Amino acid sequence: YIDDMRITCLLAALLWLTLTPARADFTVGLSAYDGGDYGTAVQQWLPLAQAGDPDAQIALAGLYMQGFGVARDPAIAVQWYRRAAQQGAAMAQLNLGDLYRRGVGVKRDLVTAYAWLHLAAESGQPWAQKQRASLNSQLTQAQITTALTLAPRLSSMR
């Protein structure tokens, strides 16, 4: 399943981060997640996410998407992804684009999906580039123009 794959890849990629005190807490959460102790992962990541750590926000969103350690709630996942995406986190932008494209946790909106995918694609995310390209045939040129105008505003909303 694509969401599981992305979460696993994201969590593995985050291992390289330095071990500052906040990173140490993130790493404790990551170890707990890898061991299937999702409750501990939530306990470690929630304070970091609330403090604005985009990696913790993305990880927490993934837990809400899957219902690991928390009740499955895609709408809450969208909120956490949005907070990280607005800080420029390409993985969160990609996931938001996908959720808007599929209408999971939010009302389906292909223009907003295109805007988020565009931001992630501009950061070099190949999967975002592919998904954005697939939306080209589903949107009019006017809708694409609207999405491209919307994209920078989405990333700067706080």
N, C-alpha and C. Protein backbone atom coordinates (compact mmCIF):
# COMPACT_ATOMS: atom_id res chain seq x y z
N TYR A 1 0.85 -1.18 0.00
CA TYR A 1 0.00 0.00 0.00
C TYR A 1 0.89 1.24 0.00
N ILE A 2 0.57 2.19 -0.84
CA ILE A 2 1.44 3.35 -1.06
C ILE A 2 1.66 4.15 0.22
N ASP A 3 0.61 4.38 1.02
CA ASP A 3 0.77 5.16 2.25
C ASP A 3 1.77 4.48 3.19
N ASP A 4 1.65 3.15 3.33
CA ASP A 4 2.57 2.41 4.19
C ASP A 4 3.99 2.55 3.68
N MET A 5 4.16 2.44 2.36
CA MET A 5 5.48 2.55 1.77
C MET A 5 6.08 3.92 2.00
N ARG A 6 5.28 4.95 1.82
CA ARG A 6 5.79 6.30 2.01
C ARG A 6 6.16 6.55 3.46
N ILE A 7 5.33 6.07 4.38
CA ILE A 7 5.63 6.26 5.80
C ILE A 7 6.92 5.54 6.15
N THR A 8 7.07 4.30 5.69
CA THR A 8 8.28 3.53 5.98
C THR A 8 9.50 4.21 5.40
N CYS A 9 9.40 4.66 4.15
CA CYS A 9 10.54 5.34 3.51
C CYS A 9 10.88 6.63 4.24
N LEU A 10 9.85 7.37 4.61
CA LEU A 10 10.08 8.63 5.33
C LEU A 10 10.79 8.37 6.64
N LEU A 11 10.29 7.41 7.40
CA LEU A 11 10.87 7.15 8.71
C LEU A 11 12.30 6.66 8.57
N ALA A 12 12.57 5.84 7.58
CA ALA A 12 13.94 5.37 7.37
C ALA A 12 14.86 6.53 6.99
N ALA A 13 14.37 7.42 6.15
CA ALA A 13 15.18 8.55 5.70
C ALA A 13 15.51 9.50 6.84
N LEU A 14 14.63 9.58 7.82
CA LEU A 14 14.83 10.51 8.92
C LEU A 14 15.90 10.03 9.92
N LEU A 15 16.33 8.79 9.80
CA LEU A 15 17.34 8.26 10.71
C LEU A 15 18.66 9.03 10.64
N TRP A 16 18.98 9.59 9.50
CA TRP A 16 20.26 10.27 9.31
C TRP A 16 20.35 11.59 10.06
N LEU A 17 19.23 12.09 10.55
CA LEU A 17 19.23 13.40 11.22
C LEU A 17 20.10 13.37 12.47
N THR A 18 20.68 14.49 12.80
CA THR A 18 21.55 14.58 13.97
C THR A 18 20.78 14.37 15.25
N LEU A 19 21.50 14.01 16.29
CA LEU A 19 20.86 13.69 17.56
C LEU A 19 20.93 14.85 18.54
N THR A 20 20.30 15.97 18.19
CA THR A 20 20.10 17.04 19.16
C THR A 20 19.08 16.50 20.16
N PRO A 21 18.83 17.18 21.29
CA PRO A 21 17.85 16.65 22.22
C PRO A 21 16.49 16.37 21.57
N ALA A 22 16.02 17.28 20.72
CA ALA A 22 14.74 17.05 20.05
C ALA A 22 14.86 15.87 19.09
N ARG A 23 15.99 15.76 18.41
CA ARG A 23 16.22 14.64 17.50
C ARG A 23 16.29 13.33 18.29
N ALA A 24 16.86 13.40 19.50
CA ALA A 24 16.90 12.20 20.32
C ALA A 24 15.49 11.73 20.63
N ASP A 25 14.59 12.66 20.97
CA ASP A 25 13.19 12.30 21.22
C ASP A 25 12.55 11.73 19.96
N PHE A 26 12.87 12.34 18.82
CA PHE A 26 12.32 11.84 17.56
C PHE A 26 12.83 10.43 17.32
N THR A 27 14.11 10.21 17.58
CA THR A 27 14.71 8.89 17.37
C THR A 27 14.11 7.85 18.31
N VAL A 28 13.83 8.24 19.55
CA VAL A 28 13.16 7.33 20.48
C VAL A 28 11.79 6.94 19.92
N GLY A 29 11.08 7.93 19.39
CA GLY A 29 9.78 7.66 18.77
C GLY A 29 9.92 6.76 17.56
N LEU A 30 10.96 6.97 16.78
CA LEU A 30 11.20 6.16 15.59
C LEU A 30 11.51 4.71 15.97
N SER A 31 12.32 4.55 17.01
CA SER A 31 12.63 3.19 17.50
C SER A 31 11.37 2.50 17.99
N ALA A 32 10.54 3.26 18.71
CA ALA A 32 9.28 2.70 19.20
C ALA A 32 8.39 2.30 18.02
N TYR A 33 8.30 3.18 17.02
CA TYR A 33 7.50 2.90 15.83
C TYR A 33 7.99 1.62 15.16
N ASP A 34 9.30 1.53 14.96
CA ASP A 34 9.88 0.36 14.31
C ASP A 34 9.60 -0.92 15.09
N GLY A 35 9.49 -0.80 16.42
CA GLY A 35 9.20 -1.95 17.27
C GLY A 35 7.72 -2.22 17.44
N GLY A 36 6.88 -1.43 16.80
CA GLY A 36 5.43 -1.64 16.90
C GLY A 36 4.81 -1.01 18.13
N ASP A 37 5.58 -0.23 18.88
CA ASP A 37 5.07 0.44 20.08
C ASP A 37 4.60 1.84 19.67
N TYR A 38 3.45 1.89 19.03
CA TYR A 38 2.96 3.14 18.45
C TYR A 38 2.54 4.15 19.50
N GLY A 39 2.09 3.68 20.65
CA GLY A 39 1.73 4.60 21.73
C GLY A 39 2.92 5.42 22.20
N THR A 40 4.08 4.77 22.33
CA THR A 40 5.30 5.49 22.71
C THR A 40 5.72 6.44 21.59
N ALA A 41 5.57 6.03 20.36
CA ALA A 41 5.89 6.91 19.23
C ALA A 41 5.05 8.18 19.31
N VAL A 42 3.77 8.02 19.58
CA VAL A 42 2.89 9.18 19.72
C VAL A 42 3.37 10.07 20.86
N GLN A 43 3.68 9.47 22.01
CA GLN A 43 4.14 10.24 23.17
C GLN A 43 5.41 11.03 22.86
N GLN A 44 6.29 10.47 22.07
CA GLN A 44 7.55 11.14 21.74
C GLN A 44 7.35 12.21 20.68
N TRP A 45 6.50 11.92 19.70
CA TRP A 45 6.36 12.83 18.55
C TRP A 45 5.37 13.96 18.77
N LEU A 46 4.35 13.74 19.59
CA LEU A 46 3.33 14.78 19.76
C LEU A 46 3.92 16.10 20.29
N PRO A 47 4.72 16.09 21.37
CA PRO A 47 5.27 17.37 21.83
C PRO A 47 6.15 18.05 20.78
N LEU A 48 6.92 17.24 20.04
CA LEU A 48 7.76 17.81 18.99
C LEU A 48 6.90 18.42 17.89
N ALA A 49 5.84 17.70 17.50
CA ALA A 49 4.94 18.20 16.46
C ALA A 49 4.26 19.49 16.91
N GLN A 50 3.82 19.52 18.15
CA GLN A 50 3.17 20.72 18.68
C GLN A 50 4.13 21.89 18.73
N ALA A 51 5.42 21.60 18.91
CA ALA A 51 6.44 22.65 18.95
C ALA A 51 6.87 23.10 17.55
N GLY A 52 6.33 22.46 16.51
CA GLY A 52 6.59 22.89 15.15
C GLY A 52 7.59 22.07 14.38
N ASP A 53 8.02 20.92 14.89
CA ASP A 53 8.98 20.08 14.18
C ASP A 53 8.27 19.40 13.00
N PRO A 54 8.64 19.76 11.77
CA PRO A 54 7.92 19.20 10.61
C PRO A 54 8.09 17.69 10.46
N ASP A 55 9.24 17.15 10.84
CA ASP A 55 9.43 15.69 10.75
C ASP A 55 8.48 14.97 11.70
N ALA A 56 8.34 15.49 12.91
CA ALA A 56 7.42 14.89 13.87
C ALA A 56 5.97 15.08 13.41
N GLN A 57 5.66 16.21 12.80
CA GLN A 57 4.32 16.44 12.28
C GLN A 57 3.97 15.42 11.19
N ILE A 58 4.92 15.16 10.31
CA ILE A 58 4.70 14.18 9.24
C ILE A 58 4.54 12.78 9.83
N ALA A 59 5.41 12.44 10.77
CA ALA A 59 5.33 11.12 11.38
C ALA A 59 4.01 10.94 12.12
N LEU A 60 3.59 11.95 12.85
CA LEU A 60 2.33 11.89 13.58
C LEU A 60 1.15 11.77 12.60
N ALA A 61 1.22 12.52 11.52
CA ALA A 61 0.17 12.43 10.50
C ALA A 61 0.06 11.01 9.97
N GLY A 62 1.22 10.38 9.75
CA GLY A 62 1.22 9.00 9.28
C GLY A 62 0.55 8.06 10.26
N LEU A 63 0.75 8.29 11.55
CA LEU A 63 0.09 7.46 12.56
C LEU A 63 -1.42 7.64 12.50
N TYR A 64 -1.86 8.87 12.33
CA TYR A 64 -3.31 9.13 12.22
C TYR A 64 -3.88 8.53 10.93
N MET A 65 -3.10 8.54 9.86
CA MET A 65 -3.59 7.93 8.61
C MET A 65 -3.79 6.43 8.78
N GLN A 66 -2.88 5.80 9.51
CA GLN A 66 -2.93 4.35 9.66
C GLN A 66 -3.72 3.88 10.88
N GLY A 67 -3.94 4.79 11.84
CA GLY A 67 -4.58 4.37 13.08
C GLY A 67 -3.64 3.60 13.97
N PHE A 68 -2.36 3.96 13.94
CA PHE A 68 -1.35 3.31 14.77
C PHE A 68 -1.13 4.15 16.02
N GLY A 69 -1.53 3.63 17.19
CA GLY A 69 -1.33 4.33 18.45
C GLY A 69 -2.36 5.41 18.72
N VAL A 70 -3.18 5.69 17.74
CA VAL A 70 -4.26 6.68 17.83
C VAL A 70 -5.43 6.15 17.00
N ALA A 71 -6.60 6.72 17.23
CA ALA A 71 -7.74 6.35 16.37
C ALA A 71 -7.45 6.85 14.96
N ARG A 72 -7.74 6.02 13.96
CA ARG A 72 -7.52 6.43 12.57
C ARG A 72 -8.39 7.64 12.28
N ASP A 73 -7.76 8.73 11.84
CA ASP A 73 -8.50 9.96 11.57
C ASP A 73 -7.77 10.75 10.48
N PRO A 74 -8.12 10.50 9.21
CA PRO A 74 -7.45 11.20 8.13
C PRO A 74 -7.57 12.72 8.21
N ALA A 75 -8.65 13.24 8.78
CA ALA A 75 -8.80 14.70 8.89
C ALA A 75 -7.74 15.29 9.82
N ILE A 76 -7.44 14.60 10.92
CA ILE A 76 -6.37 15.07 11.81
C ILE A 76 -5.02 14.91 11.11
N ALA A 77 -4.85 13.83 10.37
CA ALA A 77 -3.61 13.65 9.61
C ALA A 77 -3.41 14.82 8.65
N VAL A 78 -4.47 15.24 7.99
CA VAL A 78 -4.38 16.38 7.07
C VAL A 78 -3.90 17.63 7.81
N GLN A 79 -4.40 17.85 9.01
CA GLN A 79 -3.98 19.02 9.78
C GLN A 79 -2.48 19.00 10.06
N TRP A 80 -1.96 17.82 10.45
CA TRP A 80 -0.53 17.71 10.74
C TRP A 80 0.29 17.83 9.47
N TYR A 81 -0.15 17.18 8.39
CA TYR A 81 0.57 17.33 7.12
C TYR A 81 0.60 18.80 6.68
N ARG A 82 -0.53 19.49 6.85
CA ARG A 82 -0.60 20.89 6.43
C ARG A 82 0.42 21.74 7.21
N ARG A 83 0.52 21.51 8.51
CA ARG A 83 1.46 22.29 9.32
C ARG A 83 2.89 22.08 8.83
N ALA A 84 3.23 20.84 8.51
CA ALA A 84 4.58 20.55 8.01
C ALA A 84 4.76 21.10 6.59
N ALA A 85 3.74 20.96 5.77
CA ALA A 85 3.81 21.41 4.38
C ALA A 85 4.01 22.92 4.30
N GLN A 86 3.39 23.64 5.20
CA GLN A 86 3.51 25.09 5.20
C GLN A 86 4.90 25.55 5.64
N GLN A 87 5.67 24.61 6.18
CA GLN A 87 7.07 24.91 6.52
C GLN A 87 8.01 24.46 5.40
N GLY A 88 7.42 24.00 4.29
CA GLY A 88 8.22 23.61 3.14
C GLY A 88 8.60 22.14 3.10
N ALA A 89 8.02 21.31 3.95
CA ALA A 89 8.33 19.88 3.95
C ALA A 89 7.71 19.21 2.73
N ALA A 90 8.55 18.83 1.79
CA ALA A 90 8.07 18.28 0.51
C ALA A 90 7.26 17.00 0.70
N MET A 91 7.65 16.14 1.64
CA MET A 91 6.90 14.90 1.86
C MET A 91 5.48 15.21 2.32
N ALA A 92 5.32 16.21 3.16
CA ALA A 92 3.98 16.60 3.61
C ALA A 92 3.19 17.20 2.45
N GLN A 93 3.85 18.01 1.62
CA GLN A 93 3.18 18.59 0.46
C GLN A 93 2.70 17.49 -0.48
N LEU A 94 3.55 16.50 -0.71
CA LEU A 94 3.19 15.37 -1.55
C LEU A 94 1.99 14.63 -0.98
N ASN A 95 2.03 14.33 0.31
CA ASN A 95 0.93 13.60 0.93
C ASN A 95 -0.37 14.40 0.90
N LEU A 96 -0.28 15.70 1.14
CA LEU A 96 -1.48 16.54 1.05
C LEU A 96 -2.05 16.52 -0.36
N GLY A 97 -1.18 16.65 -1.34
CA GLY A 97 -1.65 16.59 -2.72
C GLY A 97 -2.37 15.30 -3.01
N ASP A 98 -1.80 14.20 -2.54
CA ASP A 98 -2.42 12.90 -2.75
C ASP A 98 -3.77 12.80 -2.04
N LEU A 99 -3.84 13.31 -0.81
CA LEU A 99 -5.09 13.25 -0.06
C LEU A 99 -6.18 14.10 -0.71
N TYR A 100 -5.82 15.29 -1.19
CA TYR A 100 -6.79 16.12 -1.91
C TYR A 100 -7.21 15.45 -3.22
N ARG A 101 -6.27 14.79 -3.88
CA ARG A 101 -6.57 14.10 -5.14
C ARG A 101 -7.57 12.97 -4.92
N ARG A 102 -7.41 12.26 -3.82
CA ARG A 102 -8.29 11.13 -3.52
C ARG A 102 -9.50 11.49 -2.67
N GLY A 103 -9.49 12.69 -2.06
CA GLY A 103 -10.59 13.06 -1.19
C GLY A 103 -10.58 12.30 0.12
N VAL A 104 -9.42 12.10 0.69
CA VAL A 104 -9.28 11.38 1.96
C VAL A 104 -8.93 12.41 3.04
N GLY A 105 -9.81 12.54 4.02
CA GLY A 105 -9.59 13.50 5.11
C GLY A 105 -9.97 14.92 4.76
N VAL A 106 -10.22 15.16 3.49
CA VAL A 106 -10.63 16.46 2.97
C VAL A 106 -11.59 16.22 1.81
N LYS A 107 -12.31 17.27 1.44
CA LYS A 107 -13.15 17.18 0.25
C LYS A 107 -12.23 17.08 -0.97
N ARG A 108 -12.56 16.20 -1.89
CA ARG A 108 -11.74 16.03 -3.10
C ARG A 108 -11.68 17.36 -3.85
N ASP A 109 -10.47 17.78 -4.16
CA ASP A 109 -10.26 19.07 -4.82
C ASP A 109 -8.99 18.93 -5.68
N LEU A 110 -9.19 18.74 -6.96
CA LEU A 110 -8.05 18.48 -7.84
C LEU A 110 -7.18 19.72 -8.05
N VAL A 111 -7.76 20.91 -7.95
CA VAL A 111 -6.97 22.13 -8.09
C VAL A 111 -6.02 22.27 -6.90
N THR A 112 -6.53 22.07 -5.70
CA THR A 112 -5.68 22.13 -4.50
C THR A 112 -4.67 20.98 -4.52
N ALA A 113 -5.11 19.80 -4.97
CA ALA A 113 -4.18 18.67 -5.09
C ALA A 113 -3.03 19.04 -6.01
N TYR A 114 -3.35 19.63 -7.14
CA TYR A 114 -2.31 20.02 -8.11
C TYR A 114 -1.35 21.04 -7.48
N ALA A 115 -1.91 21.99 -6.73
CA ALA A 115 -1.07 23.01 -6.10
C ALA A 115 -0.08 22.38 -5.12
N TRP A 116 -0.55 21.49 -4.24
CA TRP A 116 0.35 20.85 -3.28
C TRP A 116 1.36 19.96 -3.99
N LEU A 117 0.90 19.20 -4.99
CA LEU A 117 1.81 18.34 -5.74
C LEU A 117 2.85 19.16 -6.50
N HIS A 118 2.45 20.32 -6.97
CA HIS A 118 3.38 21.21 -7.67
C HIS A 118 4.50 21.63 -6.71
N LEU A 119 4.14 22.02 -5.50
CA LEU A 119 5.15 22.43 -4.52
C LEU A 119 6.12 21.28 -4.24
N ALA A 120 5.59 20.08 -4.05
CA ALA A 120 6.45 18.92 -3.79
C ALA A 120 7.29 18.58 -5.01
N ALA A 121 6.70 18.67 -6.18
CA ALA A 121 7.42 18.37 -7.42
C ALA A 121 8.57 19.35 -7.63
N GLU A 122 8.34 20.61 -7.29
CA GLU A 122 9.39 21.62 -7.43
C GLU A 122 10.54 21.36 -6.47
N SER A 123 10.29 20.59 -5.41
CA SER A 123 11.35 20.21 -4.47
C SER A 123 12.09 18.96 -4.94
N GLY A 124 11.68 18.44 -6.09
CA GLY A 124 12.37 17.29 -6.65
C GLY A 124 11.77 15.94 -6.32
N GLN A 125 10.58 15.91 -5.78
CA GLN A 125 9.93 14.63 -5.46
C GLN A 125 9.42 13.97 -6.74
N PRO A 126 10.04 12.87 -7.19
CA PRO A 126 9.62 12.24 -8.45
C PRO A 126 8.17 11.76 -8.43
N TRP A 127 7.73 11.19 -7.31
CA TRP A 127 6.36 10.70 -7.25
C TRP A 127 5.39 11.87 -7.38
N ALA A 128 5.71 13.02 -6.78
CA ALA A 128 4.87 14.21 -6.91
C ALA A 128 4.84 14.68 -8.35
N GLN A 129 5.98 14.62 -9.03
CA GLN A 129 6.03 15.03 -10.42
C GLN A 129 5.12 14.14 -11.27
N LYS A 130 5.14 12.84 -10.99
CA LYS A 130 4.31 11.89 -11.73
C LYS A 130 2.82 12.14 -11.45
N GLN A 131 2.48 12.34 -10.19
CA GLN A 131 1.08 12.56 -9.83
C GLN A 131 0.57 13.89 -10.39
N ARG A 132 1.40 14.90 -10.34
CA ARG A 132 1.02 16.21 -10.91
C ARG A 132 0.76 16.05 -12.40
N ALA A 133 1.63 15.34 -13.09
CA ALA A 133 1.47 15.13 -14.53
C ALA A 133 0.18 14.37 -14.83
N SER A 134 -0.18 13.43 -13.96
CA SER A 134 -1.41 12.66 -14.20
C SER A 134 -2.66 13.53 -14.05
N LEU A 135 -2.54 14.61 -13.29
CA LEU A 135 -3.69 15.52 -13.13
C LEU A 135 -3.86 16.45 -14.33
N ASN A 136 -2.83 16.61 -15.14
CA ASN A 136 -2.93 17.50 -16.29
C ASN A 136 -4.11 17.17 -17.18
N SER A 137 -4.39 15.87 -17.37
CA SER A 137 -5.48 15.47 -18.25
C SER A 137 -6.85 15.62 -17.59
N GLN A 138 -6.87 15.83 -16.29
CA GLN A 138 -8.14 15.94 -15.57
C GLN A 138 -8.54 17.39 -15.29
N LEU A 139 -7.62 18.31 -15.57
CA LEU A 139 -7.88 19.73 -15.29
C LEU A 139 -7.83 20.54 -16.58
N THR A 140 -8.58 21.61 -16.60
CA THR A 140 -8.49 22.55 -17.71
C THR A 140 -7.24 23.41 -17.52
N GLN A 141 -6.84 24.10 -18.57
CA GLN A 141 -5.69 24.99 -18.44
C GLN A 141 -5.97 26.09 -17.42
N ALA A 142 -7.21 26.56 -17.36
CA ALA A 142 -7.58 27.59 -16.37
C ALA A 142 -7.43 27.05 -14.95
N GLN A 143 -7.80 25.79 -14.73
CA GLN A 143 -7.66 25.20 -13.40
C GLN A 143 -6.19 25.03 -13.03
N ILE A 144 -5.38 24.64 -14.00
CA ILE A 144 -3.94 24.50 -13.74
C ILE A 144 -3.35 25.86 -13.39
N THR A 145 -3.74 26.89 -14.12
CA THR A 145 -3.26 28.25 -13.83
C THR A 145 -3.68 28.67 -12.42
N THR A 146 -4.92 28.36 -12.05
CA THR A 146 -5.39 28.66 -10.70
C THR A 146 -4.55 27.93 -9.66
N ALA A 147 -4.26 26.65 -9.91
CA ALA A 147 -3.45 25.86 -8.98
C ALA A 147 -2.06 26.44 -8.84
N LEU A 148 -1.48 26.86 -9.95
CA LEU A 148 -0.13 27.43 -9.90
C LEU A 148 -0.10 28.77 -9.17
N THR A 149 -1.19 29.49 -9.22
CA THR A 149 -1.32 30.75 -8.47
C THR A 149 -1.53 30.46 -6.98
N LEU A 150 -2.28 29.39 -6.71
CA LEU A 150 -2.60 29.01 -5.33
C LEU A 150 -1.37 28.45 -4.60
N ALA A 151 -0.52 27.73 -5.29
CA ALA A 151 0.59 27.01 -4.65
C ALA A 151 1.43 27.87 -3.72
N PRO A 152 1.94 29.02 -4.16
CA PRO A 152 2.77 29.80 -3.23
C PRO A 152 1.99 30.33 -2.02
N ARG A 153 0.71 30.57 -2.22
CA ARG A 153 -0.11 31.03 -1.08
C ARG A 153 -0.31 29.91 -0.07
N LEU A 154 -0.48 28.68 -0.55
CA LEU A 154 -0.64 27.54 0.37
C LEU A 154 0.59 27.37 1.23
N SER A 155 1.76 27.48 0.61
CA SER A 155 2.99 27.22 1.35
C SER A 155 3.31 28.33 2.35
N SER A 156 2.72 29.49 2.18
CA SER A 156 3.03 30.59 3.10
C SER A 156 1.95 30.83 4.14
N MET A 157 0.84 30.09 4.07
CA MET A 157 -0.22 30.26 5.08
C MET A 157 0.23 29.64 6.40
N ARG A 158 0.02 30.36 7.47
CA ARG A 158 0.38 29.81 8.79
C ARG A 158 -0.72 30.11 9.76
